[in-house]
N, C-alpha and C. Protein backbone atom coordinates (compact mmCIF):
# COMPACT_ATOMS: atom_id res chain seq x y z
N UNK A 1 0.82 -1.19 0.00
CA UNK A 1 0.00 0.00 0.00
C UNK A 1 0.87 1.27 0.00
N UNK A 2 1.94 1.26 0.81
CA UNK A 2 2.80 2.44 0.90
C UNK A 2 3.44 2.76 -0.46
N UNK A 3 3.91 1.73 -1.19
CA UNK A 3 4.52 1.94 -2.49
C UNK A 3 3.54 2.55 -3.47
N UNK A 4 2.31 2.08 -3.45
CA UNK A 4 1.29 2.64 -4.34
C UNK A 4 1.07 4.11 -4.02
N UNK A 5 1.00 4.44 -2.73
CA UNK A 5 0.73 5.82 -2.35
C UNK A 5 1.87 6.74 -2.79
N UNK A 6 3.12 6.27 -2.66
CA UNK A 6 4.24 7.09 -3.11
C UNK A 6 4.09 7.44 -4.58
N UNK A 7 3.77 6.45 -5.41
CA UNK A 7 3.59 6.70 -6.84
C UNK A 7 2.47 7.70 -7.07
N UNK A 8 1.37 7.52 -6.36
CA UNK A 8 0.23 8.43 -6.47
C UNK A 8 0.64 9.85 -6.05
N UNK A 9 1.36 9.95 -4.94
CA UNK A 9 1.76 11.25 -4.41
C UNK A 9 2.75 11.96 -5.33
N UNK A 10 3.70 11.21 -5.89
CA UNK A 10 4.64 11.80 -6.85
C UNK A 10 3.89 12.38 -8.05
N UNK A 11 2.98 11.61 -8.59
CA UNK A 11 2.20 12.06 -9.74
C UNK A 11 1.36 13.29 -9.39
N UNK A 12 0.81 13.29 -8.20
CA UNK A 12 0.00 14.43 -7.75
C UNK A 12 0.85 15.70 -7.65
N UNK A 13 2.04 15.57 -7.09
CA UNK A 13 2.93 16.73 -6.99
C UNK A 13 3.35 17.22 -8.38
N UNK A 14 3.61 16.30 -9.28
CA UNK A 14 4.00 16.68 -10.64
C UNK A 14 2.89 17.49 -11.30
N UNK A 15 1.66 17.04 -11.14
CA UNK A 15 0.53 17.79 -11.71
C UNK A 15 0.45 19.18 -11.07
N UNK A 16 0.61 19.23 -9.76
CA UNK A 16 0.50 20.51 -9.05
C UNK A 16 1.54 21.51 -9.54
N UNK A 17 2.76 21.04 -9.76
CA UNK A 17 3.84 21.95 -10.14
C UNK A 17 4.06 22.02 -11.65
N UNK A 18 3.23 21.31 -12.40
CA UNK A 18 3.28 21.39 -13.85
C UNK A 18 4.55 20.83 -14.46
N UNK A 19 5.09 19.77 -13.86
CA UNK A 19 6.30 19.14 -14.40
C UNK A 19 5.96 17.74 -14.89
N UNK A 20 6.65 17.29 -15.93
CA UNK A 20 6.41 15.92 -16.40
C UNK A 20 6.92 14.91 -15.37
N UNK A 21 6.32 13.75 -15.36
CA UNK A 21 6.69 12.72 -14.40
C UNK A 21 6.43 11.35 -14.99
N UNK A 22 7.41 10.45 -14.82
CA UNK A 22 7.27 9.05 -15.18
C UNK A 22 7.71 8.23 -13.98
N UNK A 23 6.91 7.27 -13.58
CA UNK A 23 7.29 6.40 -12.48
C UNK A 23 8.53 5.61 -12.91
N UNK A 24 9.58 5.65 -12.11
CA UNK A 24 10.84 5.00 -12.46
C UNK A 24 10.83 3.56 -11.96
N UNK A 25 10.87 2.58 -12.88
CA UNK A 25 10.84 1.18 -12.47
C UNK A 25 12.11 0.72 -11.76
N UNK A 26 13.16 1.54 -11.80
CA UNK A 26 14.43 1.20 -11.15
C UNK A 26 14.52 1.74 -9.74
N UNK A 27 13.48 2.42 -9.30
CA UNK A 27 13.47 3.02 -7.98
C UNK A 27 13.26 1.95 -6.93
N UNK A 28 13.94 1.99 -5.80
CA UNK A 28 14.80 3.06 -5.33
C UNK A 28 16.19 2.99 -5.96
N UNK A 29 16.73 4.16 -6.21
CA UNK A 29 18.05 4.28 -6.82
C UNK A 29 19.06 4.58 -5.72
N UNK A 30 20.18 3.89 -5.75
CA UNK A 30 21.27 4.18 -4.82
C UNK A 30 21.96 5.44 -5.34
N UNK A 31 21.80 6.53 -4.64
CA UNK A 31 22.21 7.82 -5.19
C UNK A 31 23.51 8.36 -4.58
N UNK A 32 24.30 7.53 -3.94
CA UNK A 32 25.51 8.03 -3.30
C UNK A 32 26.42 8.77 -4.29
N UNK A 33 26.64 8.18 -5.46
CA UNK A 33 27.50 8.86 -6.45
C UNK A 33 26.87 10.16 -6.93
N UNK A 34 25.55 10.19 -7.06
CA UNK A 34 24.89 11.44 -7.48
C UNK A 34 24.94 12.49 -6.37
N UNK A 35 24.83 12.06 -5.12
CA UNK A 35 24.93 13.01 -4.01
C UNK A 35 26.32 13.61 -3.94
N UNK A 36 27.35 12.78 -4.17
CA UNK A 36 28.71 13.31 -4.18
C UNK A 36 28.91 14.28 -5.33
N UNK A 37 28.36 13.95 -6.49
CA UNK A 37 28.46 14.85 -7.64
C UNK A 37 27.72 16.16 -7.35
N UNK A 38 26.61 16.08 -6.65
CA UNK A 38 25.83 17.27 -6.29
C UNK A 38 26.69 18.22 -5.46
N UNK A 39 27.37 17.68 -4.46
CA UNK A 39 28.24 18.51 -3.62
C UNK A 39 29.37 19.10 -4.45
N UNK A 40 29.94 18.29 -5.35
CA UNK A 40 31.01 18.78 -6.21
C UNK A 40 30.57 19.95 -7.06
N UNK A 41 29.39 19.85 -7.65
CA UNK A 41 28.88 20.94 -8.49
C UNK A 41 28.60 22.16 -7.62
N UNK A 42 27.99 21.96 -6.46
CA UNK A 42 27.69 23.09 -5.58
C UNK A 42 28.97 23.85 -5.20
N UNK A 43 30.05 23.12 -4.94
CA UNK A 43 31.29 23.75 -4.51
C UNK A 43 32.10 24.34 -5.66
N UNK A 44 32.09 23.67 -6.81
CA UNK A 44 32.99 24.06 -7.89
C UNK A 44 32.33 24.82 -9.04
N UNK A 45 31.05 24.59 -9.23
CA UNK A 45 30.33 25.28 -10.31
C UNK A 45 28.93 25.68 -9.85
N UNK A 46 28.84 26.46 -8.79
CA UNK A 46 27.50 26.79 -8.26
C UNK A 46 26.58 27.44 -9.28
N UNK A 47 27.15 28.14 -10.24
CA UNK A 47 26.33 28.79 -11.26
C UNK A 47 25.66 27.77 -12.18
N UNK A 48 26.12 26.53 -12.18
CA UNK A 48 25.55 25.48 -13.03
C UNK A 48 24.72 24.47 -12.22
N UNK A 49 24.50 24.77 -10.96
CA UNK A 49 23.81 23.82 -10.08
C UNK A 49 22.41 23.49 -10.58
N UNK A 50 21.65 24.47 -11.03
CA UNK A 50 20.29 24.21 -11.50
C UNK A 50 20.30 23.35 -12.76
N UNK A 51 21.31 23.51 -13.61
CA UNK A 51 21.45 22.66 -14.80
C UNK A 51 21.69 21.22 -14.37
N UNK A 52 22.54 21.05 -13.38
CA UNK A 52 22.82 19.71 -12.84
C UNK A 52 21.55 19.07 -12.29
N UNK A 53 20.83 19.80 -11.45
CA UNK A 53 19.60 19.27 -10.86
C UNK A 53 18.58 18.91 -11.93
N UNK A 54 18.47 19.74 -12.94
CA UNK A 54 17.53 19.45 -14.03
C UNK A 54 17.91 18.18 -14.77
N UNK A 55 19.21 17.95 -14.97
CA UNK A 55 19.67 16.74 -15.65
C UNK A 55 19.34 15.49 -14.84
N UNK A 56 19.58 15.55 -13.53
CA UNK A 56 19.29 14.40 -12.67
C UNK A 56 17.78 14.18 -12.58
N UNK A 57 17.01 15.23 -12.40
CA UNK A 57 15.56 15.11 -12.34
C UNK A 57 15.02 14.47 -13.62
N UNK A 58 15.48 14.98 -14.77
CA UNK A 58 15.03 14.45 -16.05
C UNK A 58 15.38 12.97 -16.18
N UNK A 59 16.60 12.62 -15.82
CA UNK A 59 17.02 11.22 -15.90
C UNK A 59 16.19 10.31 -15.02
N UNK A 60 15.92 10.75 -13.80
CA UNK A 60 15.17 9.91 -12.85
C UNK A 60 13.68 9.89 -13.11
N UNK A 61 13.09 11.06 -13.31
CA UNK A 61 11.63 11.16 -13.26
C UNK A 61 10.95 11.48 -14.58
N UNK A 62 11.70 11.71 -15.64
CA UNK A 62 11.08 11.92 -16.95
C UNK A 62 11.47 10.77 -17.87
N UNK A 63 12.80 10.52 -17.95
CA UNK A 63 13.29 9.44 -18.82
C UNK A 63 13.28 8.08 -18.12
N UNK A 64 13.05 8.07 -16.80
CA UNK A 64 12.99 6.84 -15.99
C UNK A 64 14.22 5.95 -16.20
N UNK A 65 15.40 6.58 -16.13
CA UNK A 65 16.65 5.85 -16.35
C UNK A 65 17.10 5.16 -15.06
N UNK A 66 17.91 4.14 -15.23
CA UNK A 66 18.50 3.45 -14.09
C UNK A 66 19.81 4.15 -13.74
N UNK A 67 19.72 5.20 -12.92
CA UNK A 67 20.91 5.95 -12.57
C UNK A 67 21.74 5.25 -11.50
N UNK A 68 21.39 4.01 -11.16
CA UNK A 68 22.30 3.14 -10.39
C UNK A 68 23.49 2.77 -11.25
N UNK A 69 23.29 2.75 -12.55
CA UNK A 69 24.33 2.40 -13.52
C UNK A 69 25.26 3.60 -13.69
N UNK A 70 26.51 3.46 -13.24
CA UNK A 70 27.44 4.58 -13.27
C UNK A 70 27.69 5.10 -14.67
N UNK A 71 27.76 4.21 -15.65
CA UNK A 71 27.98 4.64 -17.03
C UNK A 71 26.80 5.47 -17.53
N UNK A 72 25.59 5.04 -17.19
CA UNK A 72 24.40 5.77 -17.61
C UNK A 72 24.31 7.12 -16.89
N UNK A 73 24.67 7.14 -15.61
CA UNK A 73 24.71 8.41 -14.88
C UNK A 73 25.71 9.36 -15.52
N UNK A 74 26.90 8.84 -15.85
CA UNK A 74 27.93 9.67 -16.47
C UNK A 74 27.45 10.24 -17.81
N UNK A 75 26.78 9.40 -18.60
CA UNK A 75 26.26 9.86 -19.90
C UNK A 75 25.19 10.93 -19.70
N UNK A 76 24.31 10.71 -18.75
CA UNK A 76 23.24 11.67 -18.47
C UNK A 76 23.83 13.03 -18.11
N UNK A 77 24.85 13.03 -17.26
CA UNK A 77 25.48 14.29 -16.87
C UNK A 77 26.30 14.88 -18.00
N UNK A 78 27.00 14.02 -18.75
CA UNK A 78 27.80 14.50 -19.89
C UNK A 78 26.92 15.18 -20.93
N UNK A 79 25.73 14.63 -21.15
CA UNK A 79 24.79 15.22 -22.11
C UNK A 79 24.36 16.63 -21.70
N UNK A 80 24.53 16.95 -20.41
CA UNK A 80 24.20 18.29 -19.92
C UNK A 80 25.45 19.14 -19.70
N UNK A 81 26.59 18.66 -20.20
CA UNK A 81 27.80 19.46 -20.14
C UNK A 81 28.68 19.25 -18.93
N UNK A 82 28.51 18.13 -18.23
CA UNK A 82 29.34 17.81 -17.08
C UNK A 82 30.24 16.63 -17.44
N UNK A 83 31.51 16.90 -17.77
CA UNK A 83 32.40 15.82 -18.19
C UNK A 83 32.56 14.75 -17.10
N UNK A 84 32.38 13.48 -17.45
CA UNK A 84 32.44 12.41 -16.45
C UNK A 84 33.76 12.38 -15.67
N UNK A 85 34.88 12.66 -16.34
CA UNK A 85 36.16 12.60 -15.62
C UNK A 85 36.26 13.73 -14.60
N UNK A 86 35.64 14.86 -14.87
CA UNK A 86 35.62 15.96 -13.92
C UNK A 86 34.75 15.62 -12.72
N UNK A 87 33.57 15.08 -13.00
CA UNK A 87 32.65 14.68 -11.92
C UNK A 87 33.32 13.61 -11.04
N UNK A 88 33.95 12.64 -11.67
CA UNK A 88 34.61 11.56 -10.92
C UNK A 88 35.73 12.11 -10.05
N UNK A 89 36.47 13.09 -10.55
CA UNK A 89 37.56 13.67 -9.75
C UNK A 89 37.05 14.40 -8.52
N UNK A 90 35.85 14.97 -8.61
CA UNK A 90 35.29 15.69 -7.47
C UNK A 90 34.93 14.74 -6.38
């Protein structure tokens, strides 16, 4: 029941805020590498932070990608202008 409600609630919030949403079949995603990348972008490129967040949001909740896959995460970020070797170094 709880899992169903989460999906319902996510969709409800998406409608409220007018953003696209796709239930991600790979959820829950282990986001440790994405959290580390988030801190790296905040510290080193704060002016690009919203671009980074938009890329991760799109990958998780619009394209429903498996961002547990490091190669896929790297490609998702690279497509938004974040070189994988730079993100990895951070």
